[in-house]
Amino acid sequence: MNYGAIKKFDVADGEGVRVSLFVSGCRNACKGCFQPETWNFHFGEPLAVF
């Protein structure tokens, strides 16, 4: 699995501070998507799983 970004201090979309992980790959291809580059399952960096 690849990820596009990890935000350690994310304050978007709700109250409080959170960690957000944005993974790559999407088959929906929604019209007006603000990050179509992330549709590719090979976008970003490999996620190291421990």
Protein backbone atom coordinates (compact mmCIF):
# COMPACT_ATOMS: atom_id res chain seq x y z
CA MET A 1 0.00 0.00 0.00
CA ASN A 2 1.22 3.51 -0.82
CA TYR A 3 0.41 6.76 0.93
CA GLY A 4 0.28 10.28 -0.42
CA ALA A 5 0.69 12.17 2.86
CA ILE A 6 0.70 11.91 6.62
CA LYS A 7 -0.39 15.01 8.52
CA LYS A 8 0.63 14.74 12.17
CA PHE A 9 -1.29 17.84 13.31
CA ASP A 10 -4.43 18.10 11.16
CA VAL A 11 -7.19 20.50 12.24
CA ALA A 12 -9.37 20.27 9.13
CA ASP A 13 -12.82 18.68 9.04
CA GLY A 14 -13.77 18.90 12.70
CA GLU A 15 -12.86 19.98 16.19
CA GLY A 16 -9.53 19.15 17.74
CA VAL A 17 -6.18 17.98 16.44
CA ARG A 18 -5.81 14.62 14.72
CA VAL A 19 -3.40 12.56 12.64
CA SER A 20 -4.51 12.00 9.04
CA LEU A 21 -3.18 9.34 6.68
CA PHE A 22 -3.95 9.81 2.99
CA VAL A 23 -3.62 6.52 1.14
CA SER A 24 -3.27 6.11 -2.63
CA GLY A 25 -5.67 4.42 -4.96
CA CYS A 26 -9.30 5.10 -5.83
CA ARG A 27 -11.60 3.52 -8.37
CA ASN A 28 -14.46 6.02 -7.95
CA ALA A 29 -12.91 8.77 -10.14
CA CYS A 30 -15.43 11.34 -8.92
CA LYS A 31 -16.08 14.31 -11.17
CA GLY A 32 -14.46 17.39 -9.64
CA CYS A 33 -12.05 15.41 -7.44
CA PHE A 34 -9.47 17.81 -5.97
CA GLN A 35 -6.63 15.23 -6.04
CA PRO A 36 -7.02 12.97 -9.10
CA GLU A 37 -3.30 12.10 -8.98
CA THR A 38 -4.08 9.97 -5.93
CA TRP A 39 -6.36 7.67 -7.99
CA ASN A 40 -3.22 5.79 -9.05
CA PHE A 41 -2.48 2.96 -6.59
CA HIS A 42 1.27 3.54 -7.15
CA PHE A 43 1.16 7.26 -6.23
CA GLY A 44 3.23 8.35 -3.23
CA GLU A 45 5.53 6.31 -1.02
CA PRO A 46 5.29 2.71 0.21
CA LEU A 47 3.77 2.42 3.70
CA ALA A 48 6.01 0.43 6.04
CA VAL A 49 3.88 -1.88 8.18
CA PHE A 50 5.38 -3.20 11.38
